[in-house]
PDB file of N, CA and C in Angstrom:
ATOM      1  N   MET A   1      36.777 -37.538-105.149  1.00  0.00           N
ATOM      2  CA  MET A   1      35.392 -37.246-105.386  1.00  0.00           C
ATOM      3  C   MET A   1      35.035 -35.818-104.963  1.00  0.00           C
ATOM      4  N   VAL A   2      35.515 -35.407-103.784  1.00  0.00           N
ATOM      5  CA  VAL A   2      35.259 -34.045-103.300  1.00  0.00           C
ATOM      6  C   VAL A   2      35.929 -33.038-104.222  1.00  0.00           C
ATOM      7  N   LYS A   3      37.116 -33.376-104.667  1.00  0.00           N
ATOM      8  CA  LYS A   3      37.852 -32.488-105.565  1.00  0.00           C
ATOM      9  C   LYS A   3      37.055 -32.241-106.848  1.00  0.00           C
ATOM     10  N   LYS A   4      36.541 -33.318-107.446  1.00  0.00           N
ATOM     11  CA  LYS A   4      35.759 -33.183-108.681  1.00  0.00           C
ATOM     12  C   LYS A   4      34.511 -32.341-108.436  1.00  0.00           C
ATOM     13  N   LEU A   5      33.861 -32.538-107.311  1.00  0.00           N
ATOM     14  CA  LEU A   5      32.651 -31.795-106.985  1.00  0.00           C
ATOM     15  C   LEU A   5      32.948 -30.300-106.835  1.00  0.00           C
ATOM     16  N   LEU A   6      34.022 -29.972-106.115  1.00  0.00           N
ATOM     17  CA  LEU A   6      34.406 -28.564-105.953  1.00  0.00           C
ATOM     18  C   LEU A   6      34.762 -27.917-107.288  1.00  0.00           C
ATOM     19  N   LEU A   7      35.519 -28.622-108.100  1.00  0.00           N
ATOM     20  CA  LEU A   7      35.916 -28.074-109.397  1.00  0.00           C
ATOM     21  C   LEU A   7      34.700 -27.870-110.298  1.00  0.00           C
ATOM     22  N   LYS A   8      33.734 -28.786-110.242  1.00  0.00           N
ATOM     23  CA  LYS A   8      32.507 -28.616-111.021  1.00  0.00           C
ATOM     24  C   LYS A   8      31.705 -27.422-110.516  1.00  0.00           C
ATOM     25  N   ALA A   9      31.655 -27.237-109.201  1.00  0.00           N
ATOM     26  CA  ALA A   9      30.923 -26.104-108.623  1.00  0.00           C
ATOM     27  C   ALA A   9      31.563 -24.784-109.055  1.00  0.00           C
ATOM     28  N   ILE A  10      32.893 -24.715-109.021  1.00  0.00           N
ATOM     29  CA  ILE A  10      33.603 -23.500-109.452  1.00  0.00           C
ATOM     30  C   ILE A  10      33.350 -23.261-110.932  1.00  0.00           C
ATOM     31  N   ASN A  11      33.417 -24.318-111.727  1.00  0.00           N
ATOM     32  CA  ASN A  11      33.175 -24.208-113.161  1.00  0.00           C
ATOM     33  C   ASN A  11      31.758 -23.695-113.437  1.00  0.00           C
ATOM     34  N   TYR A  12      30.777 -24.188-112.715  1.00  0.00           N
ATOM     35  CA  TYR A  12      29.388 -23.730-112.864  1.00  0.00           C
ATOM     36  C   TYR A  12      29.284 -22.246-112.512  1.00  0.00           C
ATOM     37  N   TYR A  13      29.912 -21.852-111.409  1.00  0.00           N
ATOM     38  CA  TYR A  13      29.932 -20.450-110.973  1.00  0.00           C
ATOM     39  C   TYR A  13      30.508 -19.555-112.069  1.00  0.00           C
ATOM     40  N   GLN A  14      31.607 -19.993-112.672  1.00  0.00           N
ATOM     41  CA  GLN A  14      32.242 -19.217-113.737  1.00  0.00           C
ATOM     42  C   GLN A  14      31.350 -19.133-114.975  1.00  0.00           C
ATOM     43  N   LYS A  15      30.740 -20.233-115.360  1.00  0.00           N
ATOM     44  CA  LYS A  15      29.903 -20.260-116.564  1.00  0.00           C
ATOM     45  C   LYS A  15      28.621 -19.455-116.400  1.00  0.00           C
ATOM     46  N   THR A  16      28.161 -19.300-115.166  1.00  0.00           N
ATOM     47  CA  THR A  16      26.916 -18.557-114.938  1.00  0.00           C
ATOM     48  C   THR A  16      27.163 -17.085-114.621  1.00  0.00           C
ATOM     49  N   GLY A  17      28.382 -16.608-114.800  1.00  0.00           N
ATOM     50  CA  GLY A  17      28.627 -15.177-114.693  1.00  0.00           C
ATOM     51  C   GLY A  17      29.612 -14.743-113.633  1.00  0.00           C
ATOM     52  N   GLY A  18      30.010 -15.625-112.746  1.00  0.00           N
ATOM     53  CA  GLY A  18      31.010 -15.277-111.736  1.00  0.00           C
ATOM     54  C   GLY A  18      30.569 -14.166-110.807  1.00  0.00           C
ATOM     55  N   SER A  19      31.537 -13.433-110.302  1.00  0.00           N
ATOM     56  CA  SER A  19      31.269 -12.400-109.289  1.00  0.00           C
ATOM     57  C   SER A  19      30.436 -11.246-109.817  1.00  0.00           C
ATOM     58  N   VAL A  20      30.568 -10.941-111.099  1.00  0.00           N
ATOM     59  CA  VAL A  20      29.804  -9.823-111.668  1.00  0.00           C
ATOM     60  C   VAL A  20      28.305 -10.126-111.621  1.00  0.00           C
ATOM     61  N   THR A  21      27.929 -11.329-111.994  1.00  0.00           N
ATOM     62  CA  THR A  21      26.518 -11.709-111.997  1.00  0.00           C
ATOM     63  C   THR A  21      25.996 -12.015-110.600  1.00  0.00           C
ATOM     64  N   HIS A  22      26.753 -12.780-109.831  1.00  0.00           N
ATOM     65  CA  HIS A  22      26.268 -13.266-108.533  1.00  0.00           C
ATOM     66  C   HIS A  22      26.372 -12.232-107.408  1.00  0.00           C
ATOM     67  N   PHE A  23      27.384 -11.368-107.469  1.00  0.00           N
ATOM     68  CA  PHE A  23      27.610 -10.426-106.374  1.00  0.00           C
ATOM     69  C   PHE A  23      27.679  -8.965-106.810  1.00  0.00           C
ATOM     70  N   ALA A  24      27.554  -8.709-108.090  1.00  0.00           N
ATOM     71  CA  ALA A  24      27.625  -7.354-108.657  1.00  0.00           C
ATOM     72  C   ALA A  24      28.933  -6.642-108.299  1.00  0.00           C
ATOM     73  N   ILE A  25      30.030  -7.407-108.311  1.00  0.00           N
ATOM     74  CA  ILE A  25      31.369  -6.860-108.072  1.00  0.00           C
ATOM     75  C   ILE A  25      32.315  -7.450-109.116  1.00  0.00           C
ATOM     76  N   SER A  26      33.466  -6.851-109.263  1.00  0.00           N
ATOM     77  CA  SER A  26      34.474  -7.445-110.138  1.00  0.00           C
ATOM     78  C   SER A  26      35.744  -7.710-109.333  1.00  0.00           C
ATOM     79  N   CYS A  27      36.467  -8.707-109.778  1.00  0.00           N
ATOM     80  CA  CYS A  27      37.667  -9.144-109.064  1.00  0.00           C
ATOM     81  C   CYS A  27      38.829  -8.185-109.332  1.00  0.00           C
ATOM     82  N   ASN A  28      39.656  -7.955-108.309  1.00  0.00           N
ATOM     83  CA  ASN A  28      40.834  -7.097-108.435  1.00  0.00           C
ATOM     84  C   ASN A  28      42.078  -7.864-108.877  1.00  0.00           C
ATOM     85  N   PHE A  29      41.929  -9.156-109.153  1.00  0.00           N
ATOM     86  CA  PHE A  29      43.084  -9.990-109.436  1.00  0.00           C
ATOM     87  C   PHE A  29      43.019 -10.626-110.819  1.00  0.00           C
ATOM     88  N   SER A  30      44.191 -10.978-111.313  1.00  0.00           N
ATOM     89  CA  SER A  30      44.333 -11.784-112.510  1.00  0.00           C
ATOM     90  C   SER A  30      45.297 -12.913-112.179  1.00  0.00           C
ATOM     91  N   PRO A  31      44.917 -14.165-112.327  1.00  0.00           N
ATOM     92  CA  PRO A  31      43.609 -14.664-112.701  1.00  0.00           C
ATOM     93  C   PRO A  31      42.565 -14.339-111.631  1.00  0.00           C
ATOM     94  N   THR A  32      41.302 -14.395-112.038  1.00  0.00           N
ATOM     95  CA  THR A  32      40.231 -14.092-111.084  1.00  0.00           C
ATOM     96  C   THR A  32      40.295 -15.059-109.903  1.00  0.00           C
ATOM     97  N   CYS A  33      39.640 -14.716-108.834  1.00  0.00           N
ATOM     98  CA  CYS A  33      39.675 -15.533-107.624  1.00  0.00           C
ATOM     99  C   CYS A  33      39.144 -16.943-107.869  1.00  0.00           C
ATOM    100  N   SER A  34      38.108 -17.067-108.695  1.00  0.00           N
ATOM    101  CA  SER A  34      37.580 -18.408-108.965  1.00  0.00           C
ATOM    102  C   SER A  34      38.563 -19.235-109.798  1.00  0.00           C
ATOM    103  N   HIS A  35      39.211 -18.607-110.785  1.00  0.00           N
ATOM    104  CA  HIS A  35      40.217 -19.327-111.560  1.00  0.00           C
ATOM    105  C   HIS A  35      41.408 -19.702-110.679  1.00  0.00           C
ATOM    106  N   TYR A  36      41.820 -18.795-109.820  1.00  0.00           N
ATOM    107  CA  TYR A  36      42.922 -19.052-108.895  1.00  0.00           C
ATOM    108  C   TYR A  36      42.589 -20.237-107.992  1.00  0.00           C
ATOM    109  N   THR A  37      41.387 -20.240-107.413  1.00  0.00           N
ATOM    110  CA  THR A  37      40.980 -21.320-106.518  1.00  0.00           C
ATOM    111  C   THR A  37      40.914 -22.643-107.268  1.00  0.00           C
ATOM    112  N   TYR A  38      40.374 -22.632-108.463  1.00  0.00           N
ATOM    113  CA  TYR A  38      40.300 -23.834-109.298  1.00  0.00           C
ATOM    114  C   TYR A  38      41.702 -24.404-109.521  1.00  0.00           C
ATOM    115  N   GLN A  39      42.627 -23.534-109.931  1.00  0.00           N
ATOM    116  CA  GLN A  39      43.997 -23.981-110.200  1.00  0.00           C
ATOM    117  C   GLN A  39      44.692 -24.465-108.931  1.00  0.00           C
ATOM    118  N   ALA A  40      44.463 -23.781-107.811  1.00  0.00           N
ATOM    119  CA  ALA A  40      45.086 -24.176-106.550  1.00  0.00           C
ATOM    120  C   ALA A  40      44.582 -25.544-106.095  1.00  0.00           C
ATOM    121  N   ILE A  41      43.284 -25.796-106.244  1.00  0.00           N
ATOM    122  CA  ILE A  41      42.731 -27.099-105.870  1.00  0.00           C
ATOM    123  C   ILE A  41      43.282 -28.182-106.787  1.00  0.00           C
ATOM    124  N   GLU A  42      43.374 -27.904-108.072  1.00  0.00           N
ATOM    125  CA  GLU A  42      43.962 -28.876-109.006  1.00  0.00           C
ATOM    126  C   GLU A  42      45.407 -29.189-108.633  1.00  0.00           C
ATOM    127  N   ARG A  43      46.169 -28.170-108.299  1.00  0.00           N
ATOM    128  CA  ARG A  43      47.603 -28.330-108.059  1.00  0.00           C
ATOM    129  C   ARG A  43      47.933 -28.873-106.666  1.00  0.00           C
ATOM    130  N   PHE A  44      47.223 -28.396-105.638  1.00  0.00           N
ATOM    131  CA  PHE A  44      47.607 -28.722-104.263  1.00  0.00           C
ATOM    132  C   PHE A  44      46.584 -29.551-103.496  1.00  0.00           C
ATOM    133  N   GLY A  45      45.468 -29.879-104.111  1.00  0.00           N
ATOM    134  CA  GLY A  45      44.458 -30.687-103.446  1.00  0.00           C
ATOM    135  C   GLY A  45      43.379 -29.836-102.796  1.00  0.00           C
ATOM    136  N   VAL A  46      42.366 -30.525-102.270  1.00  0.00           N
ATOM    137  CA  VAL A  46      41.174 -29.857-101.756  1.00  0.00           C
ATOM    138  C   VAL A  46      41.466 -28.951-100.566  1.00  0.00           C
ATOM    139  N   ILE A  47      42.162 -29.451 -99.577  1.00  0.00           N
ATOM    140  CA  ILE A  47      42.342 -28.686 -98.334  1.00  0.00           C
ATOM    141  C   ILE A  47      43.251 -27.484 -98.557  1.00  0.00           C
ATOM    142  N   LYS A  48      44.466 -27.725 -99.018  1.00  0.00           N
ATOM    143  CA  LYS A  48      45.414 -26.623 -99.204  1.00  0.00           C
ATOM    144  C   LYS A  48      44.934 -25.667-100.295  1.00  0.00           C
ATOM    145  N   GLY A  49      44.422 -26.189-101.398  1.00  0.00           N
ATOM    146  CA  GLY A  49      43.936 -25.347-102.483  1.00  0.00           C
ATOM    147  C   GLY A  49      42.752 -24.494-102.061  1.00  0.00           C
ATOM    148  N   SER A  50      41.835 -25.072-101.299  1.00  0.00           N
ATOM    149  CA  SER A  50      40.678 -24.308-100.806  1.00  0.00           C
ATOM    150  C   SER A  50      41.113 -23.204 -99.856  1.00  0.00           C
ATOM    151  N   MET A  51      42.052 -23.502 -98.986  1.00  0.00           N
ATOM    152  CA  MET A  51      42.551 -22.484 -98.044  1.00  0.00           C
ATOM    153  C   MET A  51      43.229 -21.337 -98.801  1.00  0.00           C
ATOM    154  N   MET A  52      43.996 -21.675 -99.828  1.00  0.00           N
ATOM    155  CA  MET A  52      44.636 -20.633-100.639  1.00  0.00           C
ATOM    156  C   MET A  52      43.572 -19.774-101.317  1.00  0.00           C
ATOM    157  N   GLY A  53      42.529 -20.417-101.836  1.00  0.00           N
ATOM    158  CA  GLY A  53      41.452 -19.690-102.487  1.00  0.00           C
ATOM    159  C   GLY A  53      40.707 -18.779-101.527  1.00  0.00           C
ATOM    160  N   ILE A  54      40.431 -19.279-100.326  1.00  0.00           N
ATOM    161  CA  ILE A  54      39.729 -18.472 -99.319  1.00  0.00           C
ATOM    162  C   ILE A  54      40.551 -17.246 -98.944  1.00  0.00           C
ATOM    163  N   LYS A  55      41.850 -17.433 -98.745  1.00  0.00           N
ATOM    164  CA  LYS A  55      42.716 -16.291 -98.411  1.00  0.00           C
ATOM    165  C   LYS A  55      42.713 -15.261 -99.538  1.00  0.00           C
ATOM    166  N   ARG A  56      42.706 -15.739-100.765  1.00  0.00           N
ATOM    167  CA  ARG A  56      42.690 -14.841-101.922  1.00  0.00           C
ATOM    168  C   ARG A  56      41.365 -14.080-101.999  1.00  0.00           C
ATOM    169  N   ILE A  57      40.257 -14.791-101.826  1.00  0.00           N
ATOM    170  CA  ILE A  57      38.930 -14.176-101.899  1.00  0.00           C
ATOM    171  C   ILE A  57      38.761 -13.110-100.823  1.00  0.00           C
ATOM    172  N   ARG A  58      39.325 -13.325 -99.652  1.00  0.00           N
ATOM    173  CA  ARG A  58      39.225 -12.350 -98.559  1.00  0.00           C
ATOM    174  C   ARG A  58      39.917 -11.037 -98.914  1.00  0.00           C
ATOM    175  N   ARG A  59      40.896 -11.078 -99.825  1.00  0.00           N
ATOM    176  CA  ARG A  59      41.611  -9.856-100.227  1.00  0.00           C
ATOM    177  C   ARG A  59      41.008  -9.207-101.468  1.00  0.00           C
ATOM    178  N   CYS A  60      40.025  -9.858-102.046  1.00  0.00           N
ATOM    179  CA  CYS A  60      39.454  -9.382-103.309  1.00  0.00           C
ATOM    180  C   CYS A  60      38.425  -8.278-103.085  1.00  0.00           C
ATOM    181  N   ASN A  61      38.145  -7.574-104.173  1.00  0.00           N
ATOM    182  CA  ASN A  61      37.148  -6.509-104.211  1.00  0.00           C
ATOM    183  C   ASN A  61      37.463  -5.345-103.271  1.00  0.00           C
ATOM    184  N   ASP A  62      38.710  -4.953-103.248  1.00  0.00           N
ATOM    185  CA  ASP A  62      39.120  -3.775-102.491  1.00  0.00           C
ATOM    186  C   ASP A  62      38.720  -2.552-103.301  1.00  0.00           C
ATOM    187  N   PRO A  63      37.773  -1.743-102.802  1.00  0.00           N
ATOM    188  CA  PRO A  63      37.320  -0.594-103.583  1.00  0.00           C
ATOM    189  C   PRO A  63      38.405   0.463-103.801  1.00  0.00           C
ATOM    190  N   ASP A  64      39.466   0.441-102.975  1.00  0.00           N
ATOM    191  CA  ASP A  64      40.550   1.416-103.124  1.00  0.00           C
ATOM    192  C   ASP A  64      41.576   0.987-104.168  1.00  0.00           C
ATOM    193  N   CYS A  65      41.500  -0.254-104.615  1.00  0.00           N
ATOM    194  CA  CYS A  65      42.459  -0.774-105.595  1.00  0.00           C
ATOM    195  C   CYS A  65      41.999  -0.390-107.000  1.00  0.00           C
ATOM    196  N   VAL A  66      42.794   0.398-107.693  1.00  0.00           N
ATOM    197  CA  VAL A  66      42.413   0.843-109.039  1.00  0.00           C
ATOM    198  C   VAL A  66      43.052  -0.010-110.133  1.00  0.00           C
ATOM    199  N   ASN A  67      44.050  -0.788-109.805  1.00  0.00           N
ATOM    200  CA  ASN A  67      44.747  -1.630-110.774  1.00  0.00           C
ATOM    201  C   ASN A  67      44.418  -3.096-110.549  1.00  0.00           C
ATOM    202  N   ILE A  68      44.515  -3.882-111.610  1.00  0.00           N
ATOM    203  CA  ILE A  68      44.367  -5.328-111.508  1.00  0.00           C
ATOM    204  C   ILE A  68      45.713  -5.893-111.053  1.00  0.00           C
ATOM    205  N   ILE A  69      45.691  -6.697-110.016  1.00  0.00           N
ATOM    206  CA  ILE A  69      46.902  -7.280-109.452  1.00  0.00           C
ATOM    207  C   ILE A  69      47.130  -8.642-110.091  1.00  0.00           C
ATOM    208  N   CYS A  70      48.267  -8.819-110.745  1.00  0.00           N
ATOM    209  CA  CYS A  70      48.604 -10.101-111.366  1.00  0.00           C
ATOM    210  C   CYS A  70      49.273 -10.981-110.313  1.00  0.00           C
ATOM    211  N   GLU A  71      48.581 -12.055-109.938  1.00  0.00           N
ATOM    212  CA  GLU A  71      49.083 -12.950-108.896  1.00  0.00           C
ATOM    213  C   GLU A  71      48.696 -14.389-109.235  1.00  0.00           C
ATOM    214  N   PRO A  72      49.527 -15.094-110.011  1.00  0.00           N
ATOM    215  CA  PRO A  72      49.198 -16.477-110.374  1.00  0.00           C
ATOM    216  C   PRO A  72      49.382 -17.438-109.196  1.00  0.00           C
ATOM    217  N   VAL A  73      48.863 -18.629-109.351  1.00  0.00           N
ATOM    218  CA  VAL A  73      49.039 -19.673-108.341  1.00  0.00           C
ATOM    219  C   VAL A  73      50.525 -20.033-108.302  1.00  0.00           C
ATOM    220  N   PRO A  74      51.114 -20.101-107.105  1.00  0.00           N
ATOM    221  CA  PRO A  74      52.540 -20.436-107.029  1.00  0.00           C
ATOM    222  C   PRO A  74      52.815 -21.874-107.480  1.00  0.00           C
ATOM    223  N   GLU A  75      54.023 -22.137-107.924  1.00  0.00           N
ATOM    224  CA  GLU A  75      54.409 -23.485-108.338  1.00  0.00           C
ATOM    225  C   GLU A  75      54.482 -24.421-107.141  1.00  0.00           C
ATOM    226  N   LYS A  76      54.958 -23.900-106.016  1.00  0.00           N
ATOM    227  CA  LYS A  76      55.070 -24.701-104.797  1.00  0.00           C
ATOM    228  C   LYS A  76      54.074 -24.169-103.775  1.00  0.00           C
ATOM    229  N   ALA A  77      53.596 -25.055-102.935  1.00  0.00           N
ATOM    230  CA  ALA A  77      52.643 -24.648-101.895  1.00  0.00           C
ATOM    231  C   ALA A  77      53.321 -23.689-100.927  1.00  0.00           C
ATOM    232  N   PRO A  78      52.631 -22.617-100.528  1.00  0.00           N
ATOM    233  CA  PRO A  78      53.222 -21.671 -99.581  1.00  0.00           C
ATOM    234  C   PRO A  78      53.414 -22.330 -98.214  1.00  0.00           C
ATOM    235  N   GLU A  79      54.473 -21.923 -97.551  1.00  0.00           N
ATOM    236  CA  GLU A  79      54.734 -22.433 -96.206  1.00  0.00           C
ATOM    237  C   GLU A  79      53.844 -21.734 -95.209  1.00  0.00           C
ATOM    238  N   LYS A  80      53.624 -22.356 -94.083  1.00  0.00           N
ATOM    239  CA  LYS A  80      52.762 -21.764 -93.057  1.00  0.00           C
ATOM    240  C   LYS A  80      53.344 -20.541 -92.441  1.00  0.00           C
TER     241      LYS A  80
END
């Protein structure tokens, strides 16, 4: 139930404009941080997927980064 709620919230965020609309910034990653978090939650569950998404979001929007960084969700969960 929590998983469905989180995925719906992310989907709503994406449909209403994402980071450009809500925060006036653009993501430095491909897939975007919201897509990455969505996929991580789908693949690894709420806790691990959310933690992966939070770590990714903390690295996003680096003003010194001029290139888009391609970093897909890993096939296996990262080790601690």
